[in-house]
N, C-alpha and C. Protein backbone atom coordinates (compact mmCIF):
# COMPACT_ATOMS: atom_id res chain seq x y z
N MET A 1 -6.15 26.57 -5.52
CA MET A 1 -6.81 25.31 -5.89
C MET A 1 -6.23 24.78 -7.19
N SER A 2 -5.99 25.67 -8.17
CA SER A 2 -5.50 25.23 -9.46
C SER A 2 -4.08 24.69 -9.37
N ALA A 3 -3.34 25.11 -8.33
CA ALA A 3 -1.96 24.65 -8.18
C ALA A 3 -1.88 23.30 -7.48
N GLY A 4 -3.03 22.74 -7.11
CA GLY A 4 -3.07 21.50 -6.34
C GLY A 4 -2.22 20.37 -6.89
N PRO A 5 -2.39 20.00 -8.18
CA PRO A 5 -1.63 18.86 -8.72
C PRO A 5 -0.12 19.08 -8.71
N TYR A 6 0.31 20.34 -8.60
CA TYR A 6 1.74 20.63 -8.66
C TYR A 6 2.30 21.03 -7.30
N ASN A 7 1.50 20.82 -6.27
CA ASN A 7 1.90 21.24 -4.93
C ASN A 7 2.72 20.16 -4.24
N TYR A 8 3.98 20.02 -4.66
CA TYR A 8 4.88 19.05 -4.03
C TYR A 8 6.31 19.56 -4.15
N SER A 9 7.16 19.06 -3.28
CA SER A 9 8.55 19.53 -3.22
C SER A 9 9.53 18.63 -3.95
N TYR A 10 9.21 17.33 -4.01
CA TYR A 10 10.13 16.38 -4.62
C TYR A 10 9.36 15.40 -5.51
N ILE A 11 10.08 14.83 -6.48
CA ILE A 11 9.58 13.68 -7.23
C ILE A 11 10.54 12.53 -6.96
N PHE A 12 9.99 11.39 -6.53
CA PHE A 12 10.79 10.18 -6.34
C PHE A 12 10.38 9.17 -7.41
N LYS A 13 11.36 8.61 -8.10
CA LYS A 13 11.07 7.57 -9.07
C LYS A 13 11.18 6.20 -8.40
N TYR A 14 10.11 5.40 -8.55
CA TYR A 14 10.09 4.02 -8.06
C TYR A 14 10.01 3.07 -9.27
N ILE A 15 10.57 1.86 -9.11
CA ILE A 15 10.28 0.79 -10.04
C ILE A 15 9.73 -0.39 -9.24
N ILE A 16 8.80 -1.13 -9.85
CA ILE A 16 8.28 -2.35 -9.24
C ILE A 16 8.75 -3.51 -10.11
N ILE A 17 9.47 -4.46 -9.51
CA ILE A 17 10.05 -5.55 -10.28
C ILE A 17 9.70 -6.90 -9.65
N GLY A 18 9.84 -7.96 -10.44
CA GLY A 18 9.53 -9.30 -9.97
C GLY A 18 8.93 -10.13 -11.09
N ASP A 19 8.78 -11.42 -10.84
CA ASP A 19 8.26 -12.34 -11.85
C ASP A 19 6.85 -11.97 -12.30
N MET A 20 6.48 -12.51 -13.45
CA MET A 20 5.12 -12.32 -13.96
C MET A 20 4.10 -12.94 -13.00
N GLY A 21 3.01 -12.22 -12.75
CA GLY A 21 1.92 -12.77 -11.97
C GLY A 21 2.05 -12.66 -10.46
N VAL A 22 3.10 -11.95 -9.99
CA VAL A 22 3.25 -11.83 -8.53
C VAL A 22 2.35 -10.74 -7.95
N GLY A 23 1.77 -9.91 -8.83
CA GLY A 23 0.84 -8.88 -8.36
C GLY A 23 1.40 -7.47 -8.36
N LYS A 24 2.40 -7.21 -9.19
CA LYS A 24 3.02 -5.87 -9.23
C LYS A 24 2.00 -4.79 -9.60
N SER A 25 1.26 -5.02 -10.69
CA SER A 25 0.27 -4.04 -11.13
C SER A 25 -0.85 -3.88 -10.12
N CYS A 26 -1.21 -4.98 -9.47
CA CYS A 26 -2.28 -4.92 -8.45
C CYS A 26 -1.84 -4.12 -7.23
N LEU A 27 -0.56 -4.26 -6.85
CA LEU A 27 -0.03 -3.46 -5.74
C LEU A 27 -0.06 -1.98 -6.09
N LEU A 28 0.37 -1.67 -7.31
CA LEU A 28 0.37 -0.27 -7.76
C LEU A 28 -1.06 0.29 -7.75
N HIS A 29 -2.00 -0.48 -8.27
CA HIS A 29 -3.39 -0.02 -8.35
C HIS A 29 -3.98 0.15 -6.95
N GLN A 30 -3.66 -0.76 -6.05
CA GLN A 30 -4.16 -0.65 -4.68
C GLN A 30 -3.60 0.61 -4.01
N PHE A 31 -2.34 0.91 -4.28
CA PHE A 31 -1.72 2.09 -3.66
C PHE A 31 -2.24 3.40 -4.25
N THR A 32 -2.41 3.45 -5.57
CA THR A 32 -2.80 4.71 -6.21
C THR A 32 -4.31 4.91 -6.25
N GLU A 33 -5.08 3.80 -6.33
CA GLU A 33 -6.53 3.92 -6.50
C GLU A 33 -7.34 3.39 -5.31
N LYS A 34 -6.64 2.72 -4.37
CA LYS A 34 -7.33 2.10 -3.22
C LYS A 34 -8.35 1.07 -3.67
N LYS A 35 -8.02 0.37 -4.75
CA LYS A 35 -8.92 -0.67 -5.28
C LYS A 35 -8.10 -1.89 -5.66
N PHE A 36 -8.78 -3.05 -5.64
CA PHE A 36 -8.14 -4.28 -6.08
C PHE A 36 -8.65 -4.64 -7.46
N MET A 37 -7.73 -4.91 -8.38
CA MET A 37 -8.10 -5.34 -9.72
C MET A 37 -8.02 -6.87 -9.77
N ALA A 38 -9.16 -7.51 -9.82
CA ALA A 38 -9.19 -8.97 -9.78
C ALA A 38 -8.59 -9.59 -11.05
N ASP A 39 -8.92 -9.02 -12.20
CA ASP A 39 -8.40 -9.53 -13.47
C ASP A 39 -7.40 -8.53 -14.03
N CYS A 40 -6.20 -8.57 -13.47
CA CYS A 40 -5.18 -7.61 -13.85
C CYS A 40 -4.40 -8.14 -15.06
N PRO A 41 -4.45 -7.45 -16.20
CA PRO A 41 -3.71 -7.93 -17.38
C PRO A 41 -2.20 -7.84 -17.16
N HIS A 42 -1.46 -8.74 -17.79
CA HIS A 42 -0.01 -8.70 -17.66
C HIS A 42 0.55 -7.44 -18.33
N THR A 43 1.48 -6.82 -17.65
CA THR A 43 2.09 -5.59 -18.17
C THR A 43 3.00 -5.92 -19.35
N ILE A 44 2.91 -5.10 -20.40
CA ILE A 44 3.82 -5.21 -21.54
C ILE A 44 4.75 -4.01 -21.50
N GLY A 45 6.03 -4.28 -21.29
CA GLY A 45 6.98 -3.17 -21.19
C GLY A 45 6.89 -2.50 -19.83
N VAL A 46 6.24 -1.35 -19.78
CA VAL A 46 6.12 -0.63 -18.52
C VAL A 46 4.83 0.18 -18.47
N GLU A 47 4.26 0.31 -17.29
CA GLU A 47 3.11 1.19 -17.08
C GLU A 47 3.44 2.12 -15.93
N PHE A 48 2.67 3.17 -15.79
CA PHE A 48 2.99 4.19 -14.80
C PHE A 48 1.83 4.47 -13.85
N GLY A 49 2.20 4.90 -12.67
CA GLY A 49 1.22 5.38 -11.71
C GLY A 49 1.86 6.48 -10.89
N THR A 50 1.05 7.39 -10.38
CA THR A 50 1.58 8.47 -9.54
C THR A 50 0.68 8.69 -8.33
N ARG A 51 1.28 9.18 -7.28
CA ARG A 51 0.50 9.59 -6.11
C ARG A 51 1.34 10.54 -5.28
N ILE A 52 0.71 11.56 -4.74
CA ILE A 52 1.42 12.51 -3.87
C ILE A 52 1.22 12.09 -2.42
N ILE A 53 2.31 11.95 -1.69
CA ILE A 53 2.28 11.56 -0.29
C ILE A 53 2.95 12.65 0.54
N GLU A 54 2.97 12.48 1.84
CA GLU A 54 3.64 13.45 2.71
C GLU A 54 4.61 12.73 3.63
N VAL A 55 5.83 13.24 3.66
CA VAL A 55 6.87 12.69 4.54
C VAL A 55 7.51 13.86 5.29
N SER A 56 7.47 13.81 6.60
CA SER A 56 8.07 14.86 7.45
C SER A 56 7.63 16.26 7.03
N GLY A 57 6.35 16.37 6.71
CA GLY A 57 5.79 17.68 6.35
C GLY A 57 6.06 18.11 4.91
N GLN A 58 6.76 17.27 4.14
CA GLN A 58 7.06 17.58 2.74
C GLN A 58 6.16 16.77 1.82
N LYS A 59 5.56 17.45 0.84
CA LYS A 59 4.76 16.75 -0.17
C LYS A 59 5.72 16.14 -1.21
N ILE A 60 5.53 14.86 -1.48
CA ILE A 60 6.39 14.15 -2.42
C ILE A 60 5.54 13.42 -3.45
N LYS A 61 5.87 13.62 -4.71
CA LYS A 61 5.16 12.92 -5.78
C LYS A 61 5.93 11.64 -6.11
N LEU A 62 5.27 10.51 -5.98
CA LEU A 62 5.88 9.24 -6.36
C LEU A 62 5.53 8.95 -7.81
N GLN A 63 6.56 8.76 -8.62
CA GLN A 63 6.39 8.39 -10.03
C GLN A 63 6.77 6.92 -10.11
N ILE A 64 5.79 6.05 -10.27
CA ILE A 64 5.99 4.61 -10.10
C ILE A 64 5.94 3.90 -11.46
N TRP A 65 7.02 3.22 -11.78
CA TRP A 65 7.15 2.47 -13.03
C TRP A 65 6.89 1.00 -12.74
N ASP A 66 5.81 0.48 -13.30
CA ASP A 66 5.43 -0.92 -13.11
C ASP A 66 5.96 -1.70 -14.31
N THR A 67 6.94 -2.57 -14.07
CA THR A 67 7.62 -3.25 -15.18
C THR A 67 7.05 -4.64 -15.46
N ALA A 68 7.25 -5.10 -16.69
CA ALA A 68 6.82 -6.44 -17.08
C ALA A 68 7.71 -7.49 -16.44
N GLY A 69 7.10 -8.60 -16.01
CA GLY A 69 7.88 -9.65 -15.36
C GLY A 69 8.30 -10.77 -16.29
N GLN A 70 7.72 -10.80 -17.51
CA GLN A 70 8.06 -11.87 -18.44
C GLN A 70 9.51 -11.76 -18.90
N GLU A 71 10.14 -12.91 -19.04
CA GLU A 71 11.55 -12.96 -19.43
C GLU A 71 11.79 -12.27 -20.78
N ARG A 72 10.84 -12.39 -21.69
CA ARG A 72 11.06 -11.81 -23.03
C ARG A 72 11.10 -10.29 -23.00
N PHE A 73 10.59 -9.68 -21.92
CA PHE A 73 10.65 -8.22 -21.81
C PHE A 73 11.81 -7.76 -20.92
N ARG A 74 12.58 -8.72 -20.39
CA ARG A 74 13.59 -8.40 -19.38
C ARG A 74 14.62 -7.38 -19.88
N ALA A 75 15.09 -7.58 -21.11
CA ALA A 75 16.10 -6.66 -21.66
C ALA A 75 15.54 -5.25 -21.78
N VAL A 76 14.26 -5.15 -22.12
CA VAL A 76 13.63 -3.83 -22.27
C VAL A 76 13.46 -3.17 -20.91
N THR A 77 12.95 -3.94 -19.94
CA THR A 77 12.65 -3.34 -18.65
C THR A 77 13.92 -2.94 -17.88
N ARG A 78 15.05 -3.58 -18.19
CA ARG A 78 16.30 -3.20 -17.52
C ARG A 78 16.62 -1.73 -17.75
N SER A 79 16.21 -1.20 -18.89
CA SER A 79 16.51 0.20 -19.20
C SER A 79 15.77 1.17 -18.28
N TYR A 80 14.72 0.68 -17.60
CA TYR A 80 13.93 1.55 -16.73
C TYR A 80 14.49 1.64 -15.31
N TYR A 81 15.47 0.79 -15.00
CA TYR A 81 16.04 0.80 -13.66
C TYR A 81 16.80 2.08 -13.37
N ARG A 82 17.44 2.63 -14.40
CA ARG A 82 18.31 3.78 -14.23
C ARG A 82 17.54 4.95 -13.62
N GLY A 83 18.14 5.56 -12.63
CA GLY A 83 17.51 6.73 -12.03
C GLY A 83 16.35 6.39 -11.12
N ALA A 84 16.34 5.18 -10.55
CA ALA A 84 15.28 4.82 -9.61
C ALA A 84 15.77 5.08 -8.18
N ALA A 85 14.99 5.86 -7.44
CA ALA A 85 15.33 6.12 -6.04
C ALA A 85 14.87 4.98 -5.16
N GLY A 86 13.79 4.29 -5.58
CA GLY A 86 13.25 3.17 -4.83
C GLY A 86 12.91 2.02 -5.74
N ALA A 87 13.16 0.80 -5.27
CA ALA A 87 12.81 -0.39 -6.04
C ALA A 87 12.00 -1.33 -5.15
N LEU A 88 10.78 -1.63 -5.56
CA LEU A 88 9.94 -2.57 -4.83
C LEU A 88 10.06 -3.92 -5.54
N MET A 89 10.67 -4.89 -4.88
CA MET A 89 10.93 -6.20 -5.45
C MET A 89 9.90 -7.18 -4.89
N VAL A 90 9.06 -7.72 -5.76
CA VAL A 90 7.88 -8.47 -5.33
C VAL A 90 7.98 -9.95 -5.68
N TYR A 91 7.58 -10.80 -4.73
CA TYR A 91 7.40 -12.23 -5.01
C TYR A 91 6.04 -12.64 -4.47
N ASP A 92 5.60 -13.83 -4.86
CA ASP A 92 4.30 -14.36 -4.46
C ASP A 92 4.54 -15.43 -3.39
N ILE A 93 4.00 -15.24 -2.21
CA ILE A 93 4.27 -16.19 -1.11
C ILE A 93 3.72 -17.59 -1.40
N THR A 94 2.83 -17.72 -2.40
CA THR A 94 2.26 -19.02 -2.73
C THR A 94 3.00 -19.72 -3.86
N ARG A 95 4.01 -19.06 -4.43
CA ARG A 95 4.77 -19.65 -5.55
C ARG A 95 6.26 -19.54 -5.27
N ARG A 96 6.86 -20.65 -4.85
CA ARG A 96 8.27 -20.63 -4.46
C ARG A 96 9.18 -20.21 -5.61
N SER A 97 8.82 -20.52 -6.84
CA SER A 97 9.68 -20.15 -7.97
C SER A 97 9.90 -18.64 -8.03
N THR A 98 8.87 -17.87 -7.67
CA THR A 98 9.01 -16.41 -7.72
C THR A 98 9.96 -15.91 -6.63
N TYR A 99 10.02 -16.66 -5.53
CA TYR A 99 10.96 -16.34 -4.45
C TYR A 99 12.38 -16.74 -4.85
N ASN A 100 12.50 -17.90 -5.49
CA ASN A 100 13.82 -18.39 -5.91
C ASN A 100 14.48 -17.47 -6.93
N HIS A 101 13.69 -16.70 -7.66
CA HIS A 101 14.23 -15.81 -8.68
C HIS A 101 14.66 -14.44 -8.12
N LEU A 102 14.44 -14.23 -6.83
CA LEU A 102 14.74 -12.92 -6.24
C LEU A 102 16.22 -12.54 -6.38
N SER A 103 17.10 -13.53 -6.26
CA SER A 103 18.53 -13.22 -6.35
C SER A 103 18.87 -12.61 -7.70
N SER A 104 18.23 -13.12 -8.75
CA SER A 104 18.45 -12.59 -10.10
C SER A 104 17.93 -11.15 -10.22
N TRP A 105 16.73 -10.92 -9.68
CA TRP A 105 16.16 -9.57 -9.70
C TRP A 105 17.03 -8.60 -8.89
N LEU A 106 17.52 -9.09 -7.76
CA LEU A 106 18.35 -8.24 -6.90
C LEU A 106 19.67 -7.90 -7.58
N THR A 107 20.25 -8.86 -8.28
CA THR A 107 21.51 -8.61 -9.00
C THR A 107 21.31 -7.52 -10.05
N ASP A 108 20.22 -7.64 -10.82
CA ASP A 108 19.91 -6.60 -11.82
C ASP A 108 19.77 -5.23 -11.16
N THR A 109 19.04 -5.21 -10.04
CA THR A 109 18.79 -3.94 -9.36
C THR A 109 20.08 -3.32 -8.86
N ARG A 110 20.92 -4.11 -8.23
CA ARG A 110 22.20 -3.61 -7.72
C ARG A 110 23.09 -3.10 -8.86
N ASN A 111 23.07 -3.81 -9.98
CA ASN A 111 23.95 -3.44 -11.10
C ASN A 111 23.47 -2.23 -11.88
N LEU A 112 22.15 -2.03 -11.92
CA LEU A 112 21.59 -1.02 -12.81
C LEU A 112 21.08 0.25 -12.12
N THR A 113 21.04 0.23 -10.79
CA THR A 113 20.63 1.44 -10.06
C THR A 113 21.83 2.01 -9.32
N ASN A 114 21.63 3.13 -8.64
CA ASN A 114 22.74 3.73 -7.90
C ASN A 114 22.83 3.12 -6.50
N PRO A 115 23.98 3.24 -5.83
CA PRO A 115 24.18 2.61 -4.53
C PRO A 115 23.19 3.06 -3.45
N SER A 116 22.58 4.23 -3.64
CA SER A 116 21.65 4.76 -2.64
C SER A 116 20.21 4.30 -2.85
N THR A 117 19.94 3.59 -3.94
CA THR A 117 18.58 3.14 -4.21
C THR A 117 18.06 2.28 -3.06
N VAL A 118 16.87 2.62 -2.57
CA VAL A 118 16.24 1.87 -1.48
C VAL A 118 15.49 0.68 -2.08
N ILE A 119 15.84 -0.53 -1.65
CA ILE A 119 15.18 -1.73 -2.17
C ILE A 119 14.29 -2.31 -1.08
N PHE A 120 13.03 -2.46 -1.41
CA PHE A 120 12.04 -2.95 -0.45
C PHE A 120 11.48 -4.27 -0.99
N LEU A 121 11.64 -5.34 -0.22
CA LEU A 121 11.14 -6.66 -0.61
C LEU A 121 9.70 -6.84 -0.12
N ILE A 122 8.81 -7.23 -1.04
CA ILE A 122 7.41 -7.42 -0.70
C ILE A 122 6.99 -8.85 -1.02
N GLY A 123 6.51 -9.57 -0.01
CA GLY A 123 5.91 -10.88 -0.22
C GLY A 123 4.41 -10.67 -0.39
N ASN A 124 3.95 -10.70 -1.62
CA ASN A 124 2.54 -10.39 -1.90
C ASN A 124 1.65 -11.62 -1.73
N LYS A 125 0.35 -11.36 -1.59
CA LYS A 125 -0.71 -12.39 -1.46
C LYS A 125 -0.69 -13.05 -0.08
N CYS A 126 -0.39 -12.27 0.95
CA CYS A 126 -0.39 -12.84 2.30
C CYS A 126 -1.80 -13.18 2.76
N ASP A 127 -2.82 -12.79 1.98
CA ASP A 127 -4.20 -13.18 2.30
C ASP A 127 -4.44 -14.65 1.99
N LEU A 128 -3.53 -15.27 1.21
CA LEU A 128 -3.67 -16.68 0.83
C LEU A 128 -2.81 -17.55 1.74
N GLU A 129 -2.99 -17.41 3.03
CA GLU A 129 -2.16 -18.11 4.01
C GLU A 129 -2.21 -19.64 3.83
N GLY A 130 -3.37 -20.14 3.47
CA GLY A 130 -3.52 -21.58 3.30
C GLY A 130 -2.72 -22.16 2.14
N GLN A 131 -2.32 -21.29 1.21
CA GLN A 131 -1.56 -21.74 0.04
C GLN A 131 -0.08 -21.35 0.14
N ARG A 132 0.31 -20.89 1.30
CA ARG A 132 1.69 -20.39 1.49
C ARG A 132 2.73 -21.44 1.09
N ASP A 133 3.74 -20.98 0.33
CA ASP A 133 4.82 -21.85 -0.10
C ASP A 133 6.20 -21.30 0.33
N VAL A 134 6.19 -20.07 0.85
CA VAL A 134 7.42 -19.44 1.33
C VAL A 134 7.16 -18.90 2.73
N THR A 135 7.96 -19.29 3.70
CA THR A 135 7.72 -18.83 5.07
C THR A 135 8.17 -17.39 5.26
N TYR A 136 7.54 -16.74 6.20
CA TYR A 136 7.91 -15.36 6.53
C TYR A 136 9.36 -15.31 7.00
N GLU A 137 9.75 -16.32 7.79
CA GLU A 137 11.08 -16.34 8.40
C GLU A 137 12.18 -16.40 7.35
N GLU A 138 12.03 -17.24 6.33
CA GLU A 138 13.11 -17.35 5.34
C GLU A 138 13.22 -16.10 4.47
N ALA A 139 12.07 -15.50 4.16
CA ALA A 139 12.11 -14.27 3.37
C ALA A 139 12.70 -13.13 4.19
N SER A 140 12.36 -13.11 5.48
CA SER A 140 12.90 -12.08 6.37
C SER A 140 14.42 -12.22 6.49
N LYS A 141 14.89 -13.46 6.53
CA LYS A 141 16.33 -13.71 6.61
C LYS A 141 17.03 -13.27 5.33
N PHE A 142 16.40 -13.56 4.17
CA PHE A 142 16.95 -13.14 2.88
C PHE A 142 17.08 -11.61 2.84
N ALA A 143 16.04 -10.93 3.31
CA ALA A 143 16.05 -9.47 3.32
C ALA A 143 17.16 -8.94 4.22
N GLU A 144 17.27 -9.53 5.40
CA GLU A 144 18.28 -9.08 6.36
C GLU A 144 19.69 -9.30 5.81
N GLU A 145 19.92 -10.44 5.20
CA GLU A 145 21.25 -10.76 4.66
C GLU A 145 21.64 -9.82 3.53
N ASN A 146 20.65 -9.30 2.82
CA ASN A 146 20.92 -8.44 1.67
C ASN A 146 20.65 -6.96 1.93
N GLY A 147 20.37 -6.62 3.19
CA GLY A 147 20.17 -5.22 3.54
C GLY A 147 18.91 -4.61 2.95
N LEU A 148 17.85 -5.40 2.86
CA LEU A 148 16.59 -4.93 2.28
C LEU A 148 15.55 -4.67 3.37
N MET A 149 14.66 -3.76 3.10
CA MET A 149 13.47 -3.61 3.92
C MET A 149 12.50 -4.71 3.47
N PHE A 150 11.64 -5.18 4.37
CA PHE A 150 10.78 -6.31 4.01
C PHE A 150 9.43 -6.24 4.71
N VAL A 151 8.41 -6.65 3.97
CA VAL A 151 7.09 -6.79 4.56
C VAL A 151 6.30 -7.78 3.70
N GLU A 152 5.38 -8.51 4.32
CA GLU A 152 4.41 -9.27 3.56
C GLU A 152 3.16 -8.41 3.41
N ALA A 153 2.56 -8.44 2.23
CA ALA A 153 1.44 -7.55 1.94
C ALA A 153 0.38 -8.29 1.13
N SER A 154 -0.75 -7.64 0.97
CA SER A 154 -1.82 -8.17 0.12
C SER A 154 -2.40 -7.06 -0.73
N ALA A 155 -2.23 -7.18 -2.04
CA ALA A 155 -2.83 -6.20 -2.95
C ALA A 155 -4.34 -6.31 -2.91
N LYS A 156 -4.85 -7.48 -2.49
CA LYS A 156 -6.30 -7.69 -2.45
C LYS A 156 -6.94 -6.98 -1.27
N THR A 157 -6.38 -7.17 -0.07
CA THR A 157 -6.97 -6.57 1.13
C THR A 157 -6.37 -5.19 1.43
N GLY A 158 -5.22 -4.91 0.84
CA GLY A 158 -4.55 -3.63 1.12
C GLY A 158 -3.57 -3.70 2.28
N ASP A 159 -3.49 -4.85 2.94
CA ASP A 159 -2.58 -4.99 4.09
C ASP A 159 -1.14 -4.64 3.70
N ASN A 160 -0.56 -3.70 4.44
CA ASN A 160 0.85 -3.32 4.32
C ASN A 160 1.26 -2.73 2.97
N VAL A 161 0.30 -2.47 2.09
CA VAL A 161 0.65 -1.87 0.80
C VAL A 161 1.13 -0.43 1.00
N GLU A 162 0.36 0.33 1.78
CA GLU A 162 0.76 1.71 2.08
C GLU A 162 2.14 1.73 2.74
N GLU A 163 2.33 0.82 3.68
CA GLU A 163 3.59 0.80 4.43
C GLU A 163 4.78 0.63 3.51
N ALA A 164 4.68 -0.28 2.55
CA ALA A 164 5.81 -0.54 1.65
C ALA A 164 6.20 0.71 0.87
N PHE A 165 5.22 1.38 0.29
CA PHE A 165 5.50 2.57 -0.51
C PHE A 165 5.98 3.73 0.36
N LEU A 166 5.33 3.92 1.51
CA LEU A 166 5.66 5.05 2.37
C LEU A 166 6.98 4.88 3.09
N GLU A 167 7.27 3.67 3.57
CA GLU A 167 8.54 3.45 4.27
C GLU A 167 9.72 3.61 3.32
N THR A 168 9.52 3.22 2.07
CA THR A 168 10.56 3.43 1.05
C THR A 168 10.82 4.93 0.88
N ALA A 169 9.74 5.71 0.80
CA ALA A 169 9.88 7.15 0.64
C ALA A 169 10.56 7.79 1.84
N LYS A 170 10.22 7.31 3.03
CA LYS A 170 10.84 7.86 4.25
C LYS A 170 12.35 7.63 4.25
N LYS A 171 12.76 6.45 3.80
CA LYS A 171 14.18 6.14 3.78
C LYS A 171 14.91 6.97 2.73
N ILE A 172 14.27 7.18 1.58
CA ILE A 172 14.86 8.03 0.54
C ILE A 172 15.00 9.46 1.07
N TYR A 173 13.94 9.94 1.71
CA TYR A 173 13.97 11.31 2.23
C TYR A 173 15.05 11.46 3.29
N GLN A 174 15.23 10.43 4.12
CA GLN A 174 16.28 10.47 5.13
C GLN A 174 17.66 10.54 4.49
N SER A 175 17.82 9.85 3.37
CA SER A 175 19.10 9.90 2.64
C SER A 175 19.38 11.30 2.12
N ILE A 176 18.32 12.00 1.73
CA ILE A 176 18.47 13.40 1.28
C ILE A 176 18.90 14.27 2.45
N GLN A 177 18.23 14.10 3.58
CA GLN A 177 18.54 14.89 4.78
C GLN A 177 19.96 14.62 5.27
N ASP A 178 20.42 13.37 5.14
CA ASP A 178 21.75 13.01 5.60
C ASP A 178 22.85 13.38 4.61
N GLY A 179 22.43 13.85 3.43
CA GLY A 179 23.42 14.22 2.42
C GLY A 179 23.99 13.05 1.65
N ARG A 180 23.37 11.86 1.78
CA ARG A 180 23.86 10.68 1.08
C ARG A 180 23.33 10.58 -0.34
N LEU A 181 22.33 11.41 -0.67
CA LEU A 181 21.75 11.40 -2.01
C LEU A 181 22.03 12.74 -2.68
N ASP A 182 22.72 12.70 -3.78
CA ASP A 182 23.10 13.92 -4.50
C ASP A 182 21.97 14.31 -5.45
N LEU A 183 21.25 15.37 -5.11
CA LEU A 183 20.11 15.79 -5.92
C LEU A 183 20.55 16.36 -7.27
N ASN A 184 21.83 16.67 -7.42
CA ASN A 184 22.33 17.19 -8.69
C ASN A 184 22.67 16.07 -9.67
N ALA A 185 22.60 14.83 -9.22
CA ALA A 185 22.90 13.69 -10.08
C ALA A 185 21.59 13.10 -10.60
N ALA A 186 21.45 13.02 -11.92
CA ALA A 186 20.20 12.54 -12.51
C ALA A 186 19.89 11.11 -12.09
N GLU A 187 20.95 10.31 -11.85
CA GLU A 187 20.70 8.91 -11.50
C GLU A 187 20.19 8.73 -10.09
N SER A 188 20.09 9.82 -9.31
CA SER A 188 19.61 9.71 -7.92
C SER A 188 18.15 9.28 -7.86
N GLY A 189 17.40 9.55 -8.92
CA GLY A 189 15.98 9.20 -8.93
C GLY A 189 15.11 10.19 -8.19
N VAL A 190 15.71 11.32 -7.79
CA VAL A 190 14.98 12.35 -7.06
C VAL A 190 15.11 13.68 -7.78
N GLN A 191 13.99 14.36 -7.94
CA GLN A 191 14.02 15.72 -8.48
C GLN A 191 13.47 16.65 -7.41
N HIS A 192 14.16 17.74 -7.19
CA HIS A 192 13.65 18.76 -6.28
C HIS A 192 12.90 19.77 -7.12
N LYS A 193 11.68 20.05 -6.74
CA LYS A 193 10.84 20.95 -7.53
C LYS A 193 10.91 22.36 -6.96
N PRO A 194 11.60 23.28 -7.65
CA PRO A 194 11.66 24.66 -7.17
C PRO A 194 10.29 25.31 -7.23
N SER A 195 10.15 26.41 -6.54
CA SER A 195 8.86 27.11 -6.52
C SER A 195 8.56 27.75 -7.85
N GLN A 196 9.61 28.02 -8.66
CA GLN A 196 9.40 28.63 -9.97
C GLN A 196 9.63 27.56 -11.04
N PRO A 197 8.56 27.10 -11.69
CA PRO A 197 8.67 26.01 -12.66
C PRO A 197 9.66 26.29 -13.78
N GLY A 198 9.81 27.55 -14.17
CA GLY A 198 10.71 27.90 -15.27
C GLY A 198 12.14 27.47 -15.00
N ARG A 199 12.53 27.54 -13.74
CA ARG A 199 13.90 27.17 -13.39
C ARG A 199 14.09 25.67 -13.35
N ASN A 200 12.99 24.95 -13.19
CA ASN A 200 13.09 23.50 -13.06
C ASN A 200 13.62 22.86 -14.33
N ASN A 201 13.15 23.34 -15.50
CA ASN A 201 13.58 22.77 -16.76
C ASN A 201 15.08 22.94 -16.96
N LEU A 202 15.58 24.14 -16.63
CA LEU A 202 17.00 24.42 -16.79
C LEU A 202 17.81 23.52 -15.87
N THR A 203 17.33 23.37 -14.65
CA THR A 203 18.04 22.53 -13.69
C THR A 203 18.12 21.10 -14.16
N ASN A 204 17.01 20.58 -14.70
CA ASN A 204 17.01 19.20 -15.17
C ASN A 204 17.99 19.00 -16.32
N ASP A 205 18.08 20.00 -17.23
CA ASP A 205 19.04 19.91 -18.33
C ASP A 205 20.46 19.87 -17.81
N GLN A 206 20.71 20.71 -16.82
CA GLN A 206 22.04 20.75 -16.25
C GLN A 206 22.37 19.43 -15.58
N GLN A 207 21.38 18.87 -14.89
CA GLN A 207 21.60 17.59 -14.22
C GLN A 207 21.93 16.50 -15.23
N THR A 208 21.21 16.50 -16.36
CA THR A 208 21.45 15.49 -17.39
C THR A 208 22.86 15.60 -17.94
N ASN A 209 23.29 16.87 -18.21
CA ASN A 209 24.63 17.07 -18.74
C ASN A 209 25.70 16.63 -17.75
N LYS A 210 25.47 16.95 -16.48
CA LYS A 210 26.43 16.57 -15.44
C LYS A 210 26.51 15.05 -15.33
N ASP A 211 25.35 14.41 -15.52
CA ASP A 211 25.30 12.96 -15.35
C ASP A 211 26.07 12.20 -16.43
N ASN A 212 26.25 12.86 -17.58
CA ASN A 212 26.95 12.18 -18.67
C ASN A 212 28.36 11.78 -18.30
N CYS A 213 28.96 12.51 -17.37
CA CYS A 213 30.33 12.19 -16.99
C CYS A 213 30.39 11.44 -15.66
N ALA A 214 29.22 11.11 -15.12
CA ALA A 214 29.19 10.40 -13.86
C ALA A 214 29.19 8.90 -14.10
N CYS A 215 29.30 8.14 -13.02
CA CYS A 215 29.19 6.70 -13.07
C CYS A 215 30.56 6.05 -13.31
């Protein structure tokens, strides 16, 4: 029972990115707490959330970095992209400007993460259908053209929130199984947790040293 919080095989690092007010923190809270925060304060810098999930019989701890969307924090939040195994890129279906900025967010993600990083596009606030400003079809086309996974979701109702986080994890895990993700590289965004915690620290140090000459 006491080993419960540490009963997982992998840690996957996620980042949530997108313009201010698209609902990044609300999506994180809905996923980790199963609750909707109606008055969600704007994130300053970065906030964190964690949850243990199961993929193909393996327990995986998601370490989720919720980044600030304001332009004045952009330079700071770029530093958090490194070593992300998954990136959830969020726009608001009722605000076209947040959709128009996706190309900029995607460029940052491609430039600052590793080639194996799984990018999942989320059109948030699908519960506000009457205020829709971006069609499902055009966002789906954008995702397809850029090789992204895509879903419309609602942090308020919980629709498709689980799917976005879990499908990202499944794709990351598949990359590990296929040998496309090097667990010895710190920038992979994945840590394998050995059964003996003492060895984990040494392994992480070695990974960091190895990573200095990578890239």
